[in-house]
Amino acid sequence: MAISDVFYQKQLKGNGLVQSLSRKGNCLDNAAMESFFGTLKSECFHTCKYDSVTESEAALHEYIRYYNNDRIKLKLKGLSPVQYRIQSLKAA
């Protein structure tokens, strides 16, 4: 383990966080999050320049709200993730 890895592990532990790693040789373990982060970067961060961390955090929170509640996905029958979950729960 490199020194930076030791520092990183201590920072995680000190903040009550647990690191999650993919299984060795299985890139699909994290495919959903990698897809989301790619979309987030292209739609939220590559199109704007933020003047402060606070401003970028506010944009991030707003984007996540938009992504979950308003942004439609064809894979979800043209619904947002929240609308799709609500529809699925009503059908159950």
N, C-alpha and C. Protein backbone atom coordinates (compact mmCIF):
# COMPACT_ATOMS: atom_id res chain seq x y z
N MET A 1 0.85 -1.18 0.00
CA MET A 1 0.00 0.00 0.00
C MET A 1 0.90 1.24 0.00
N ALA A 2 0.65 2.18 -0.88
CA ALA A 2 1.43 3.41 -0.96
C ALA A 2 1.08 4.35 0.18
N ILE A 3 1.96 5.31 0.43
CA ILE A 3 1.73 6.26 1.52
C ILE A 3 0.43 7.02 1.31
N SER A 4 0.14 7.41 0.08
CA SER A 4 -1.11 8.13 -0.18
C SER A 4 -2.31 7.26 0.14
N ASP A 5 -2.18 5.94 -0.09
CA ASP A 5 -3.27 5.03 0.24
C ASP A 5 -3.50 4.96 1.74
N VAL A 6 -2.40 4.94 2.51
CA VAL A 6 -2.50 4.92 3.97
C VAL A 6 -3.20 6.19 4.45
N PHE A 7 -2.79 7.33 3.92
CA PHE A 7 -3.42 8.61 4.28
C PHE A 7 -4.90 8.59 3.95
N TYR A 8 -5.22 8.11 2.75
CA TYR A 8 -6.61 8.04 2.31
C TYR A 8 -7.43 7.15 3.24
N GLN A 9 -6.89 5.99 3.60
CA GLN A 9 -7.59 5.07 4.49
C GLN A 9 -7.83 5.71 5.86
N LYS A 10 -6.84 6.43 6.38
CA LYS A 10 -6.99 7.11 7.68
C LYS A 10 -8.06 8.20 7.60
N GLN A 11 -8.09 8.92 6.49
CA GLN A 11 -9.10 9.97 6.31
C GLN A 11 -10.50 9.37 6.28
N LEU A 12 -10.65 8.28 5.56
CA LEU A 12 -11.95 7.61 5.51
C LEU A 12 -12.38 7.17 6.90
N LYS A 13 -11.50 6.45 7.60
CA LYS A 13 -11.81 5.93 8.92
C LYS A 13 -12.11 7.07 9.90
N GLY A 14 -11.32 8.14 9.83
CA GLY A 14 -11.52 9.29 10.71
C GLY A 14 -12.85 9.99 10.51
N ASN A 15 -13.42 9.83 9.34
CA ASN A 15 -14.71 10.45 9.03
C ASN A 15 -15.86 9.45 9.05
N GLY A 16 -15.60 8.26 9.57
CA GLY A 16 -16.65 7.26 9.70
C GLY A 16 -17.11 6.66 8.39
N LEU A 17 -16.24 6.66 7.38
CA LEU A 17 -16.60 6.13 6.07
C LEU A 17 -15.94 4.78 5.83
N VAL A 18 -16.57 3.97 5.00
CA VAL A 18 -16.03 2.67 4.63
C VAL A 18 -15.81 2.66 3.13
N GLN A 19 -14.61 2.31 2.71
CA GLN A 19 -14.30 2.27 1.28
C GLN A 19 -14.93 1.05 0.64
N SER A 20 -15.45 1.23 -0.54
CA SER A 20 -16.05 0.14 -1.29
C SER A 20 -15.23 -0.08 -2.56
N LEU A 21 -14.80 -1.29 -2.77
CA LEU A 21 -13.99 -1.60 -3.95
C LEU A 21 -14.67 -2.68 -4.77
N SER A 22 -14.47 -2.61 -6.08
CA SER A 22 -14.95 -3.67 -6.96
C SER A 22 -14.12 -4.92 -6.74
N ARG A 23 -14.71 -6.06 -7.06
CA ARG A 23 -13.95 -7.30 -7.01
C ARG A 23 -12.86 -7.26 -8.06
N LYS A 24 -11.74 -7.88 -7.78
CA LYS A 24 -10.62 -7.90 -8.71
C LYS A 24 -11.05 -8.49 -10.05
N GLY A 25 -10.77 -7.73 -11.11
CA GLY A 25 -11.07 -8.21 -12.45
C GLY A 25 -12.52 -8.13 -12.86
N ASN A 26 -13.36 -7.43 -12.09
CA ASN A 26 -14.77 -7.33 -12.46
C ASN A 26 -15.17 -5.86 -12.56
N CYS A 27 -15.00 -5.31 -13.75
CA CYS A 27 -15.28 -3.89 -13.96
C CYS A 27 -16.78 -3.57 -13.93
N LEU A 28 -17.63 -4.57 -14.00
CA LEU A 28 -19.07 -4.33 -14.04
C LEU A 28 -19.66 -4.04 -12.66
N ASP A 29 -18.90 -4.31 -11.59
CA ASP A 29 -19.40 -4.08 -10.24
C ASP A 29 -19.88 -2.65 -10.04
N ASN A 30 -19.21 -1.71 -10.66
CA ASN A 30 -19.51 -0.30 -10.42
C ASN A 30 -20.05 0.40 -11.67
N ALA A 31 -20.56 -0.35 -12.62
CA ALA A 31 -20.97 0.21 -13.91
C ALA A 31 -22.07 1.26 -13.77
N ALA A 32 -23.04 1.02 -12.90
CA ALA A 32 -24.15 1.98 -12.75
C ALA A 32 -23.65 3.33 -12.25
N MET A 33 -22.76 3.31 -11.26
CA MET A 33 -22.24 4.58 -10.72
C MET A 33 -21.32 5.26 -11.73
N GLU A 34 -20.50 4.49 -12.43
CA GLU A 34 -19.64 5.09 -13.45
C GLU A 34 -20.47 5.76 -14.53
N SER A 35 -21.56 5.15 -14.91
CA SER A 35 -22.46 5.73 -15.90
C SER A 35 -23.06 7.03 -15.38
N PHE A 36 -23.52 7.02 -14.12
CA PHE A 36 -24.09 8.23 -13.52
C PHE A 36 -23.05 9.34 -13.46
N PHE A 37 -21.83 9.02 -12.99
CA PHE A 37 -20.81 10.06 -12.88
C PHE A 37 -20.44 10.62 -14.25
N GLY A 38 -20.42 9.79 -15.28
CA GLY A 38 -20.16 10.28 -16.63
C GLY A 38 -21.23 11.26 -17.08
N THR A 39 -22.49 10.91 -16.82
CA THR A 39 -23.61 11.80 -17.16
C THR A 39 -23.54 13.08 -16.35
N LEU A 40 -23.27 12.96 -15.07
CA LEU A 40 -23.15 14.13 -14.19
C LEU A 40 -22.08 15.08 -14.70
N LYS A 41 -20.91 14.56 -15.01
CA LYS A 41 -19.82 15.41 -15.49
C LYS A 41 -20.18 16.11 -16.79
N SER A 42 -20.77 15.38 -17.73
CA SER A 42 -21.06 15.99 -19.03
C SER A 42 -22.22 16.97 -18.96
N GLU A 43 -23.20 16.73 -18.10
CA GLU A 43 -24.37 17.61 -18.05
C GLU A 43 -24.27 18.72 -17.02
N CYS A 44 -23.47 18.53 -15.99
CA CYS A 44 -23.44 19.50 -14.90
C CYS A 44 -22.12 20.27 -14.81
N PHE A 45 -21.02 19.57 -14.96
CA PHE A 45 -19.74 20.22 -14.70
C PHE A 45 -18.98 20.65 -15.94
N HIS A 46 -19.14 19.98 -17.06
CA HIS A 46 -18.41 20.38 -18.26
C HIS A 46 -19.06 21.58 -18.94
N THR A 47 -20.30 21.87 -18.58
CA THR A 47 -21.01 22.97 -19.24
C THR A 47 -20.97 24.27 -18.45
N CYS A 48 -20.48 24.23 -17.21
CA CYS A 48 -20.48 25.43 -16.36
C CYS A 48 -19.15 25.60 -15.65
N LYS A 49 -18.87 26.84 -15.28
CA LYS A 49 -17.70 27.14 -14.46
C LYS A 49 -18.22 27.72 -13.15
N TYR A 50 -17.77 27.14 -12.06
CA TYR A 50 -18.24 27.58 -10.75
C TYR A 50 -17.16 28.41 -10.07
N ASP A 51 -17.60 29.46 -9.37
CA ASP A 51 -16.66 30.37 -8.72
C ASP A 51 -16.27 29.95 -7.32
N SER A 52 -16.98 28.99 -6.74
CA SER A 52 -16.65 28.55 -5.39
C SER A 52 -17.10 27.11 -5.17
N VAL A 53 -16.58 26.51 -4.12
CA VAL A 53 -17.00 25.16 -3.76
C VAL A 53 -18.48 25.16 -3.39
N THR A 54 -18.91 26.19 -2.68
CA THR A 54 -20.32 26.29 -2.28
C THR A 54 -21.23 26.32 -3.50
N GLU A 55 -20.83 27.07 -4.51
CA GLU A 55 -21.62 27.17 -5.74
C GLU A 55 -21.66 25.81 -6.46
N SER A 56 -20.53 25.12 -6.52
CA SER A 56 -20.51 23.81 -7.19
C SER A 56 -21.31 22.78 -6.39
N GLU A 57 -21.28 22.85 -5.05
CA GLU A 57 -22.08 21.94 -4.23
C GLU A 57 -23.57 22.17 -4.45
N ALA A 58 -23.97 23.43 -4.53
CA ALA A 58 -25.38 23.76 -4.78
C ALA A 58 -25.81 23.22 -6.15
N ALA A 59 -24.94 23.37 -7.14
CA ALA A 59 -25.25 22.86 -8.48
C ALA A 59 -25.35 21.34 -8.46
N LEU A 60 -24.49 20.69 -7.71
CA LEU A 60 -24.53 19.23 -7.60
C LEU A 60 -25.83 18.77 -6.96
N HIS A 61 -26.22 19.39 -5.87
CA HIS A 61 -27.48 19.02 -5.21
C HIS A 61 -28.68 19.24 -6.13
N GLU A 62 -28.68 20.35 -6.85
CA GLU A 62 -29.78 20.63 -7.77
C GLU A 62 -29.80 19.62 -8.91
N TYR A 63 -28.61 19.25 -9.42
CA TYR A 63 -28.56 18.27 -10.50
C TYR A 63 -29.09 16.91 -10.04
N ILE A 64 -28.72 16.48 -8.85
CA ILE A 64 -29.20 15.19 -8.34
C ILE A 64 -30.71 15.22 -8.17
N ARG A 65 -31.25 16.35 -7.68
CA ARG A 65 -32.70 16.49 -7.57
C ARG A 65 -33.35 16.39 -8.95
N TYR A 66 -32.78 17.10 -9.92
CA TYR A 66 -33.28 17.07 -11.29
C TYR A 66 -33.18 15.66 -11.88
N TYR A 67 -32.04 15.01 -11.70
CA TYR A 67 -31.80 13.68 -12.26
C TYR A 67 -32.83 12.68 -11.73
N ASN A 68 -33.12 12.74 -10.45
CA ASN A 68 -34.05 11.79 -9.84
C ASN A 68 -35.52 12.11 -10.10
N ASN A 69 -35.86 13.38 -10.17
CA ASN A 69 -37.27 13.78 -10.21
C ASN A 69 -37.79 14.25 -11.57
N ASP A 70 -36.94 14.84 -12.39
CA ASP A 70 -37.42 15.47 -13.62
C ASP A 70 -36.86 14.87 -14.91
N ARG A 71 -35.63 14.43 -14.88
CA ARG A 71 -34.95 13.95 -16.09
C ARG A 71 -35.52 12.59 -16.50
N ILE A 72 -36.14 12.55 -17.67
CA ILE A 72 -36.74 11.29 -18.12
C ILE A 72 -35.68 10.39 -18.75
N LYS A 73 -35.93 9.10 -18.66
CA LYS A 73 -35.04 8.10 -19.26
C LYS A 73 -35.88 7.17 -20.11
N LEU A 74 -35.45 6.94 -21.33
CA LEU A 74 -36.18 6.04 -22.21
C LEU A 74 -36.23 4.62 -21.65
N LYS A 75 -35.16 4.20 -20.96
CA LYS A 75 -35.13 2.86 -20.36
C LYS A 75 -36.19 2.71 -19.27
N LEU A 76 -36.66 3.82 -18.73
CA LEU A 76 -37.69 3.79 -17.69
C LEU A 76 -39.04 4.20 -18.27
N LYS A 77 -39.26 3.88 -19.53
CA LYS A 77 -40.53 4.15 -20.23
C LYS A 77 -40.87 5.63 -20.27
N GLY A 78 -39.85 6.47 -20.41
CA GLY A 78 -40.06 7.90 -20.52
C GLY A 78 -40.38 8.58 -19.20
N LEU A 79 -40.10 7.92 -18.09
CA LEU A 79 -40.36 8.48 -16.76
C LEU A 79 -39.04 8.83 -16.08
N SER A 80 -39.13 9.68 -15.06
CA SER A 80 -37.96 9.93 -14.21
C SER A 80 -37.81 8.75 -13.26
N PRO A 81 -36.64 8.58 -12.65
CA PRO A 81 -36.47 7.47 -11.70
C PRO A 81 -37.51 7.46 -10.58
N VAL A 82 -37.84 8.61 -10.02
CA VAL A 82 -38.84 8.67 -8.94
C VAL A 82 -40.22 8.29 -9.48
N GLN A 83 -40.60 8.83 -10.62
CA GLN A 83 -41.90 8.48 -11.21
C GLN A 83 -41.99 6.99 -11.49
N TYR A 84 -40.90 6.41 -11.99
CA TYR A 84 -40.88 4.98 -12.31
C TYR A 84 -41.05 4.14 -11.04
N ARG A 85 -40.35 4.53 -9.96
CA ARG A 85 -40.47 3.79 -8.70
C ARG A 85 -41.88 3.88 -8.15
N ILE A 86 -42.47 5.07 -8.20
CA ILE A 86 -43.84 5.25 -7.71
C ILE A 86 -44.80 4.38 -8.51
N GLN A 87 -44.66 4.39 -9.83
CA GLN A 87 -45.52 3.57 -10.69
C GLN A 87 -45.34 2.08 -10.37
N SER A 88 -44.11 1.65 -10.17
CA SER A 88 -43.85 0.25 -9.84
C SER A 88 -44.46 -0.14 -8.51
N LEU A 89 -44.39 0.75 -7.53
CA LEU A 89 -44.97 0.46 -6.21
C LEU A 89 -46.49 0.37 -6.27
N LYS A 90 -47.10 1.24 -7.08
CA LYS A 90 -48.56 1.20 -7.22
C LYS A 90 -49.02 -0.09 -7.88
N ALA A 91 -48.21 -0.60 -8.81
CA ALA A 91 -48.57 -1.82 -9.53
C ALA A 91 -48.37 -3.08 -8.68
N ALA A 92 -47.57 -2.97 -7.64
CA ALA A 92 -47.27 -4.15 -6.80
C ALA A 92 -48.39 -4.50 -5.85
